[in-house]
Amino acid sequence: MALPDVGAIRAALVQKLLGDAQLMGLMSDGVAWDIAPQNATKFVKLSLADDARTDQFAVPNIAGSGTAYEELTVLILAVAMNTSGVDVGRAAYRIEQILDQQSLTVAGYTGVTVARDRGVDTANVDPTDLTIRWQQRGAYYSVYAAPA
């Protein structure tokens, strides 16, 4: 039996965040996977940190064997240019409210749940313009999904 597309889990996370008006009010340039749109200054960035699969049984060609669940670890950051960090702090808190201990509907999967793991809070100097600072705040989130 073919496994469902794990990319559907990624898409569901993006859509869940894009669908929140309060978050989009704070991060007006939307949600991006790995690379933000050109000229974006306030956005939510998602990056895959880990993708693991747990089998029901480790015996090939035996009835009942197969994938028990997928576990994705996703780094989700609110990112803003040249701010005090307040914007990203509010956005990171809103992301936590949207995702932590919540379920997602994903085609091909059942019981998709999301849990916040550990937080991240950084500021970086833009390598192309040393006068620009990027504030980033968010967390690693674990997503557990059992194939239907």
N, C-alpha and C. Protein backbone atom coordinates (compact mmCIF):
# COMPACT_ATOMS: atom_id res chain seq x y z
N MET A 1 0.85 -1.18 0.00
CA MET A 1 0.00 0.00 0.00
C MET A 1 0.89 1.24 0.00
N ALA A 2 0.59 2.17 -0.86
CA ALA A 2 1.38 3.40 -0.96
C ALA A 2 1.06 4.35 0.20
N LEU A 3 2.09 4.97 0.69
CA LEU A 3 1.90 5.95 1.76
C LEU A 3 1.36 7.26 1.19
N PRO A 4 0.59 8.00 1.98
CA PRO A 4 0.15 9.31 1.52
C PRO A 4 1.34 10.26 1.41
N ASP A 5 1.14 11.34 0.69
CA ASP A 5 2.18 12.33 0.46
C ASP A 5 2.42 13.16 1.71
N VAL A 6 3.62 13.07 2.28
CA VAL A 6 3.96 13.83 3.48
C VAL A 6 3.94 15.33 3.19
N GLY A 7 4.05 15.71 1.93
CA GLY A 7 3.95 17.11 1.54
C GLY A 7 2.60 17.70 1.88
N ALA A 8 1.58 16.85 1.96
CA ALA A 8 0.24 17.33 2.34
C ALA A 8 0.24 17.86 3.78
N ILE A 9 1.09 17.31 4.62
CA ILE A 9 1.19 17.80 6.00
C ILE A 9 1.79 19.20 6.00
N ARG A 10 2.82 19.39 5.21
CA ARG A 10 3.44 20.71 5.08
C ARG A 10 2.41 21.73 4.60
N ALA A 11 1.67 21.37 3.56
CA ALA A 11 0.67 22.28 2.99
C ALA A 11 -0.41 22.62 4.01
N ALA A 12 -0.82 21.64 4.81
CA ALA A 12 -1.85 21.87 5.83
C ALA A 12 -1.36 22.86 6.90
N LEU A 13 -0.09 22.76 7.28
CA LEU A 13 0.47 23.71 8.25
C LEU A 13 0.43 25.13 7.68
N VAL A 14 0.86 25.29 6.45
CA VAL A 14 0.87 26.61 5.81
C VAL A 14 -0.55 27.17 5.75
N GLN A 15 -1.50 26.35 5.31
CA GLN A 15 -2.88 26.82 5.18
C GLN A 15 -3.49 27.19 6.53
N LYS A 16 -3.16 26.42 7.56
CA LYS A 16 -3.68 26.71 8.91
C LYS A 16 -3.19 28.09 9.37
N LEU A 17 -1.92 28.38 9.13
CA LEU A 17 -1.36 29.67 9.54
C LEU A 17 -1.90 30.81 8.67
N LEU A 18 -1.96 30.59 7.36
CA LEU A 18 -2.48 31.62 6.46
C LEU A 18 -3.94 31.96 6.77
N GLY A 19 -4.67 30.99 7.28
CA GLY A 19 -6.09 31.17 7.56
C GLY A 19 -6.40 31.96 8.81
N ASP A 20 -5.39 32.34 9.56
CA ASP A 20 -5.62 33.08 10.80
C ASP A 20 -5.44 34.58 10.56
N ALA A 21 -6.53 35.32 10.61
CA ALA A 21 -6.51 36.76 10.32
C ALA A 21 -5.64 37.54 11.30
N GLN A 22 -5.66 37.16 12.56
CA GLN A 22 -4.85 37.86 13.56
C GLN A 22 -3.36 37.71 13.25
N LEU A 23 -2.94 36.50 12.93
CA LEU A 23 -1.53 36.26 12.60
C LEU A 23 -1.14 37.01 11.33
N MET A 24 -2.01 36.97 10.33
CA MET A 24 -1.70 37.66 9.07
C MET A 24 -1.69 39.17 9.25
N GLY A 25 -2.40 39.69 10.24
CA GLY A 25 -2.33 41.11 10.57
C GLY A 25 -0.96 41.48 11.13
N LEU A 26 -0.35 40.56 11.86
CA LEU A 26 0.98 40.79 12.44
C LEU A 26 2.10 40.53 11.42
N MET A 27 1.92 39.50 10.61
CA MET A 27 2.93 39.09 9.63
C MET A 27 2.34 39.28 8.23
N SER A 28 2.31 40.50 7.79
CA SER A 28 1.57 40.90 6.59
C SER A 28 2.08 40.33 5.27
N ASP A 29 3.29 39.78 5.26
CA ASP A 29 3.81 39.21 4.02
C ASP A 29 3.58 37.71 3.91
N GLY A 30 2.74 37.17 4.79
CA GLY A 30 2.29 35.79 4.65
C GLY A 30 3.16 34.73 5.29
N VAL A 31 3.05 33.55 4.73
CA VAL A 31 3.72 32.35 5.24
C VAL A 31 4.53 31.74 4.11
N ALA A 32 5.78 31.39 4.39
CA ALA A 32 6.67 30.85 3.37
C ALA A 32 7.37 29.60 3.88
N TRP A 33 7.58 28.66 2.98
CA TRP A 33 8.35 27.48 3.32
C TRP A 33 9.80 27.73 2.88
N ASP A 34 10.70 27.89 3.81
CA ASP A 34 12.14 28.10 3.63
C ASP A 34 12.55 29.46 3.08
N ILE A 35 11.93 29.93 2.00
CA ILE A 35 12.37 31.18 1.39
C ILE A 35 11.19 32.14 1.30
N ALA A 36 11.36 33.32 1.87
CA ALA A 36 10.29 34.33 1.86
C ALA A 36 10.16 34.97 0.49
N PRO A 37 8.98 35.50 0.19
CA PRO A 37 8.81 36.23 -1.07
C PRO A 37 9.79 37.42 -1.13
N GLN A 38 10.18 37.80 -2.33
CA GLN A 38 11.08 38.93 -2.51
C GLN A 38 10.45 40.18 -1.88
N ASN A 39 11.27 40.97 -1.21
CA ASN A 39 10.89 42.22 -0.54
C ASN A 39 10.01 42.03 0.69
N ALA A 40 9.85 40.82 1.18
CA ALA A 40 9.07 40.57 2.39
C ALA A 40 9.82 41.12 3.61
N THR A 41 9.09 41.74 4.52
CA THR A 41 9.69 42.28 5.75
C THR A 41 9.05 41.73 7.02
N LYS A 42 7.85 41.15 6.91
CA LYS A 42 7.17 40.52 8.05
C LYS A 42 6.48 39.27 7.55
N PHE A 43 6.98 38.11 7.98
CA PHE A 43 6.43 36.86 7.47
C PHE A 43 6.68 35.73 8.46
N VAL A 44 6.00 34.63 8.23
CA VAL A 44 6.21 33.40 8.99
C VAL A 44 6.97 32.45 8.09
N LYS A 45 8.05 31.89 8.63
CA LYS A 45 8.91 30.99 7.87
C LYS A 45 8.86 29.60 8.49
N LEU A 46 8.63 28.60 7.66
CA LEU A 46 8.65 27.21 8.09
C LEU A 46 9.82 26.50 7.44
N SER A 47 10.49 25.64 8.20
CA SER A 47 11.61 24.84 7.69
C SER A 47 11.52 23.45 8.30
N LEU A 48 11.73 22.43 7.48
CA LEU A 48 11.73 21.07 7.98
C LEU A 48 13.04 20.80 8.70
N ALA A 49 12.96 20.45 9.97
CA ALA A 49 14.16 20.14 10.75
C ALA A 49 14.43 18.64 10.78
N ASP A 50 13.35 17.84 10.73
CA ASP A 50 13.50 16.39 10.78
C ASP A 50 12.23 15.74 10.26
N ASP A 51 12.37 14.57 9.68
CA ASP A 51 11.25 13.81 9.15
C ASP A 51 11.53 12.35 9.45
N ALA A 52 10.75 11.77 10.35
CA ALA A 52 10.98 10.38 10.76
C ALA A 52 9.72 9.57 10.56
N ARG A 53 9.91 8.30 10.36
CA ARG A 53 8.79 7.37 10.17
C ARG A 53 8.97 6.24 11.16
N THR A 54 7.89 5.90 11.86
CA THR A 54 7.91 4.78 12.80
C THR A 54 7.05 3.66 12.23
N ASP A 55 7.64 2.48 12.11
CA ASP A 55 6.91 1.34 11.57
C ASP A 55 6.14 0.62 12.67
N GLN A 56 5.03 -0.01 12.24
CA GLN A 56 4.26 -0.83 13.18
C GLN A 56 5.08 -2.05 13.59
N PHE A 57 5.64 -2.69 12.58
CA PHE A 57 6.51 -3.84 12.81
C PHE A 57 7.66 -3.71 11.84
N ALA A 58 8.80 -4.20 12.22
CA ALA A 58 9.98 -4.09 11.36
C ALA A 58 10.18 -5.34 10.53
N VAL A 59 9.09 -6.06 10.22
CA VAL A 59 9.19 -7.31 9.46
C VAL A 59 8.58 -7.07 8.08
N PRO A 60 9.39 -7.07 7.03
CA PRO A 60 8.84 -6.84 5.69
C PRO A 60 7.93 -7.98 5.23
N ASN A 61 6.94 -7.64 4.42
CA ASN A 61 6.03 -8.60 3.80
C ASN A 61 5.20 -9.40 4.80
N ILE A 62 4.98 -8.85 5.97
CA ILE A 62 4.15 -9.51 6.98
C ILE A 62 2.90 -8.65 7.16
N ALA A 63 1.73 -9.30 7.19
CA ALA A 63 0.48 -8.57 7.37
C ALA A 63 0.55 -7.75 8.67
N GLY A 64 0.10 -6.51 8.60
CA GLY A 64 0.13 -5.65 9.78
C GLY A 64 1.35 -4.78 9.86
N SER A 65 2.37 -5.11 9.04
CA SER A 65 3.54 -4.25 9.07
C SER A 65 3.27 -3.03 8.22
N GLY A 66 4.03 -2.01 8.41
CA GLY A 66 3.85 -0.76 7.68
C GLY A 66 4.10 0.41 8.60
N THR A 67 3.77 1.59 8.12
CA THR A 67 4.03 2.80 8.89
C THR A 67 2.96 3.02 9.94
N ALA A 68 3.38 3.17 11.17
CA ALA A 68 2.45 3.50 12.26
C ALA A 68 2.15 4.99 12.25
N TYR A 69 3.20 5.80 12.10
CA TYR A 69 3.01 7.25 12.01
C TYR A 69 4.24 7.94 11.46
N GLU A 70 3.99 9.13 10.94
CA GLU A 70 5.05 10.03 10.48
C GLU A 70 5.25 11.06 11.59
N GLU A 71 6.48 11.47 11.81
CA GLU A 71 6.75 12.56 12.74
C GLU A 71 7.65 13.57 12.05
N LEU A 72 7.11 14.76 11.87
CA LEU A 72 7.88 15.86 11.29
C LEU A 72 8.21 16.84 12.40
N THR A 73 9.43 17.33 12.42
CA THR A 73 9.80 18.43 13.29
C THR A 73 9.99 19.63 12.39
N VAL A 74 9.19 20.66 12.65
CA VAL A 74 9.18 21.85 11.80
C VAL A 74 9.54 23.07 12.64
N LEU A 75 10.53 23.81 12.16
CA LEU A 75 10.88 25.08 12.79
C LEU A 75 9.96 26.14 12.19
N ILE A 76 9.19 26.80 13.05
CA ILE A 76 8.26 27.83 12.60
C ILE A 76 8.64 29.13 13.29
N LEU A 77 9.02 30.12 12.49
CA LEU A 77 9.51 31.40 13.00
C LEU A 77 8.70 32.57 12.47
N ALA A 78 8.39 33.50 13.35
CA ALA A 78 7.91 34.81 12.93
C ALA A 78 9.16 35.63 12.67
N VAL A 79 9.24 36.26 11.50
CA VAL A 79 10.43 37.00 11.09
C VAL A 79 10.03 38.42 10.72
N ALA A 80 10.75 39.39 11.26
CA ALA A 80 10.47 40.79 10.92
C ALA A 80 11.78 41.56 10.82
N MET A 81 11.81 42.51 9.89
CA MET A 81 12.98 43.33 9.66
C MET A 81 12.93 44.59 10.51
N ASN A 82 14.08 44.92 11.15
CA ASN A 82 14.27 46.17 11.89
C ASN A 82 13.16 46.49 12.87
N THR A 83 12.85 45.53 13.76
CA THR A 83 11.87 45.78 14.80
C THR A 83 12.52 45.59 16.16
N SER A 84 11.79 45.94 17.18
CA SER A 84 12.29 45.75 18.55
C SER A 84 12.13 44.30 18.99
N GLY A 85 11.43 43.52 18.22
CA GLY A 85 11.16 42.13 18.60
C GLY A 85 9.75 41.94 19.11
N VAL A 86 9.03 43.05 19.36
CA VAL A 86 7.66 42.94 19.85
C VAL A 86 6.77 42.27 18.81
N ASP A 87 6.91 42.67 17.55
CA ASP A 87 6.10 42.08 16.47
C ASP A 87 6.26 40.57 16.43
N VAL A 88 7.49 40.11 16.42
CA VAL A 88 7.72 38.67 16.32
C VAL A 88 7.30 37.95 17.59
N GLY A 89 7.39 38.61 18.72
CA GLY A 89 6.94 38.01 19.97
C GLY A 89 5.45 37.76 19.96
N ARG A 90 4.69 38.73 19.52
CA ARG A 90 3.23 38.57 19.42
C ARG A 90 2.86 37.50 18.40
N ALA A 91 3.56 37.52 17.27
CA ALA A 91 3.27 36.54 16.22
C ALA A 91 3.63 35.13 16.67
N ALA A 92 4.76 34.96 17.34
CA ALA A 92 5.16 33.64 17.82
C ALA A 92 4.15 33.11 18.83
N TYR A 93 3.64 33.99 19.68
CA TYR A 93 2.62 33.58 20.65
C TYR A 93 1.34 33.17 19.93
N ARG A 94 0.98 33.91 18.89
CA ARG A 94 -0.23 33.57 18.13
C ARG A 94 -0.05 32.23 17.42
N ILE A 95 1.12 31.98 16.85
CA ILE A 95 1.40 30.69 16.21
C ILE A 95 1.21 29.56 17.22
N GLU A 96 1.72 29.77 18.42
CA GLU A 96 1.56 28.75 19.47
C GLU A 96 0.09 28.51 19.77
N GLN A 97 -0.70 29.57 19.85
CA GLN A 97 -2.14 29.41 20.10
C GLN A 97 -2.82 28.64 18.97
N ILE A 98 -2.39 28.86 17.75
CA ILE A 98 -3.00 28.21 16.59
C ILE A 98 -2.63 26.73 16.52
N LEU A 99 -1.38 26.39 16.83
CA LEU A 99 -0.87 25.04 16.56
C LEU A 99 -0.68 24.13 17.77
N ASP A 100 -0.25 24.66 18.90
CA ASP A 100 0.13 23.79 20.01
C ASP A 100 -1.06 22.99 20.55
N GLN A 101 -0.89 21.68 20.58
CA GLN A 101 -1.89 20.74 21.06
C GLN A 101 -3.17 20.78 20.23
N GLN A 102 -3.01 21.10 18.95
CA GLN A 102 -4.15 21.18 18.03
C GLN A 102 -4.04 20.07 16.99
N SER A 103 -5.15 19.82 16.31
CA SER A 103 -5.16 18.82 15.25
C SER A 103 -5.23 19.51 13.89
N LEU A 104 -4.80 18.79 12.88
CA LEU A 104 -4.86 19.24 11.50
C LEU A 104 -5.64 18.22 10.69
N THR A 105 -6.35 18.69 9.68
CA THR A 105 -6.99 17.80 8.74
C THR A 105 -6.08 17.69 7.52
N VAL A 106 -5.64 16.47 7.25
CA VAL A 106 -4.71 16.24 6.14
C VAL A 106 -5.16 15.01 5.37
N ALA A 107 -5.36 15.17 4.07
CA ALA A 107 -5.78 14.06 3.22
C ALA A 107 -4.79 12.90 3.33
N GLY A 108 -5.33 11.70 3.52
CA GLY A 108 -4.50 10.50 3.59
C GLY A 108 -4.01 10.16 4.98
N TYR A 109 -4.31 11.02 5.96
CA TYR A 109 -3.85 10.80 7.33
C TYR A 109 -5.01 10.90 8.31
N THR A 110 -4.85 10.25 9.45
CA THR A 110 -5.80 10.39 10.55
C THR A 110 -5.02 10.80 11.80
N GLY A 111 -5.68 11.39 12.73
CA GLY A 111 -5.05 11.72 14.00
C GLY A 111 -3.83 12.61 13.88
N VAL A 112 -3.88 13.64 13.04
CA VAL A 112 -2.74 14.54 12.88
C VAL A 112 -2.76 15.55 14.02
N THR A 113 -1.72 15.53 14.85
CA THR A 113 -1.63 16.47 15.97
C THR A 113 -0.31 17.22 15.93
N VAL A 114 -0.33 18.41 16.52
CA VAL A 114 0.83 19.29 16.53
C VAL A 114 1.14 19.64 17.99
N ALA A 115 2.43 19.66 18.33
CA ALA A 115 2.85 20.01 19.69
C ALA A 115 4.11 20.87 19.63
N ARG A 116 4.12 21.95 20.40
CA ARG A 116 5.29 22.82 20.48
C ARG A 116 6.36 22.13 21.31
N ASP A 117 7.59 22.17 20.83
CA ASP A 117 8.70 21.54 21.55
C ASP A 117 9.55 22.56 22.30
N ARG A 118 10.38 23.29 21.59
CA ARG A 118 11.28 24.23 22.25
C ARG A 118 11.35 25.52 21.45
N GLY A 119 11.52 26.60 22.16
CA GLY A 119 11.48 27.91 21.55
C GLY A 119 12.80 28.37 20.95
N VAL A 120 12.69 29.36 20.06
CA VAL A 120 13.84 29.97 19.39
C VAL A 120 13.61 31.48 19.39
N ASP A 121 14.66 32.24 19.71
CA ASP A 121 14.57 33.70 19.73
C ASP A 121 15.94 34.23 19.31
N THR A 122 16.01 34.77 18.08
CA THR A 122 17.30 35.24 17.57
C THR A 122 17.14 36.57 16.84
N ALA A 123 18.25 37.23 16.68
CA ALA A 123 18.34 38.42 15.83
C ALA A 123 19.59 38.26 14.98
N ASN A 124 19.47 38.61 13.71
CA ASN A 124 20.60 38.45 12.79
C ASN A 124 20.81 39.73 12.00
N VAL A 125 22.05 39.97 11.64
CA VAL A 125 22.39 41.08 10.75
C VAL A 125 22.27 40.57 9.32
N ASP A 126 21.64 41.36 8.46
CA ASP A 126 21.49 40.98 7.06
C ASP A 126 22.88 40.96 6.40
N PRO A 127 23.24 39.89 5.74
CA PRO A 127 24.58 39.81 5.14
C PRO A 127 24.79 40.76 3.95
N THR A 128 23.70 41.21 3.34
CA THR A 128 23.85 42.11 2.19
C THR A 128 23.78 43.58 2.57
N ASP A 129 23.25 43.88 3.76
CA ASP A 129 23.14 45.26 4.23
C ASP A 129 23.29 45.25 5.75
N LEU A 130 24.43 45.63 6.24
CA LEU A 130 24.74 45.53 7.67
C LEU A 130 23.89 46.45 8.56
N THR A 131 23.10 47.34 7.97
CA THR A 131 22.21 48.19 8.76
C THR A 131 20.87 47.52 9.03
N ILE A 132 20.62 46.39 8.39
CA ILE A 132 19.34 45.69 8.55
C ILE A 132 19.47 44.59 9.59
N ARG A 133 18.51 44.54 10.49
CA ARG A 133 18.43 43.49 11.52
C ARG A 133 17.16 42.68 11.28
N TRP A 134 17.28 41.37 11.43
CA TRP A 134 16.13 40.47 11.32
C TRP A 134 15.86 39.85 12.68
N GLN A 135 14.69 40.11 13.24
CA GLN A 135 14.25 39.49 14.48
C GLN A 135 13.51 38.21 14.12
N GLN A 136 13.78 37.14 14.85
CA GLN A 136 13.12 35.86 14.60
C GLN A 136 12.73 35.22 15.94
N ARG A 137 11.47 34.86 16.05
CA ARG A 137 11.03 34.18 17.26
C ARG A 137 10.00 33.12 16.89
N GLY A 138 10.10 31.99 17.52
CA GLY A 138 9.16 30.91 17.26
C GLY A 138 9.54 29.66 18.02
N ALA A 139 9.33 28.51 17.40
CA ALA A 139 9.60 27.26 18.09
C ALA A 139 9.70 26.12 17.09
N TYR A 140 10.25 25.01 17.59
CA TYR A 140 10.19 23.76 16.87
C TYR A 140 8.85 23.10 17.25
N TYR A 141 8.15 22.60 16.25
CA TYR A 141 6.88 21.93 16.47
C TYR A 141 6.98 20.52 15.94
N SER A 142 6.45 19.57 16.70
CA SER A 142 6.38 18.17 16.25
C SER A 142 4.99 17.93 15.70
N VAL A 143 4.94 17.31 14.55
CA VAL A 143 3.66 16.95 13.91
C VAL A 143 3.63 15.43 13.79
N TYR A 144 2.62 14.83 14.39
CA TYR A 144 2.45 13.38 14.36
C TYR A 144 1.26 13.06 13.48
N ALA A 145 1.43 12.15 12.51
CA ALA A 145 0.36 11.81 11.59
C ALA A 145 0.37 10.33 11.27
N ALA A 146 -0.77 9.69 11.45
CA ALA A 146 -0.90 8.27 11.14
C ALA A 146 -1.54 8.14 9.76
N PRO A 147 -0.94 7.36 8.86
CA PRO A 147 -1.56 7.15 7.57
C PRO A 147 -2.96 6.52 7.74
N ALA A 148 -3.90 6.98 6.92
CA ALA A 148 -5.28 6.45 7.02
C ALA A 148 -5.34 5.02 6.54
